[in-house]
């Protein structure tokens, strides 16, 4: 009867022991890791829309102001800067003497990697409609709300020109 020498069985045992040790270390590392939670770094969620109240138009004191930049004009920041909302004209032409508009739609609200939403909103001036793009951080400035009446200023009017 032939026997396997004792020395040839040892490497197998050592490999098994080393493998189990490495698995134990890996398990310890994985169990002690603290997972990163996106909610811990994201700003608290704010309301998506404002309450437009009853079907009657809100009073002038509760109306939000929307400043609209046209061809080639640069907005001074994001909505909420100085207490006003800011948007770029995307399509259409602002009617002369514009003072207010009714928001008809709100789309493209998902924020980018910096948390900024770039919503598209159709505004109804009664005689015409335009499309604007409203740049805002939703946690601090809600979207333009369909049905909401907003006070409208051109960027020149906002700057006092």
Foldseek 3Di string as FASTA:
>chain_A
DDDDDPVVCVVVVVVVVVVVVVVVVVVVVVVPDDDDDPVVVDDDADDQEDDCPDLDADDPVPAAEEEEEEPPDDDPDAAPVVRHWYKYFDFDDDDPPQFKWAWADWDQQDADPVQWGFIWIWTHRPVDITIITTIHRRRRDHDYDHSHMHTYHYVCVVVVD
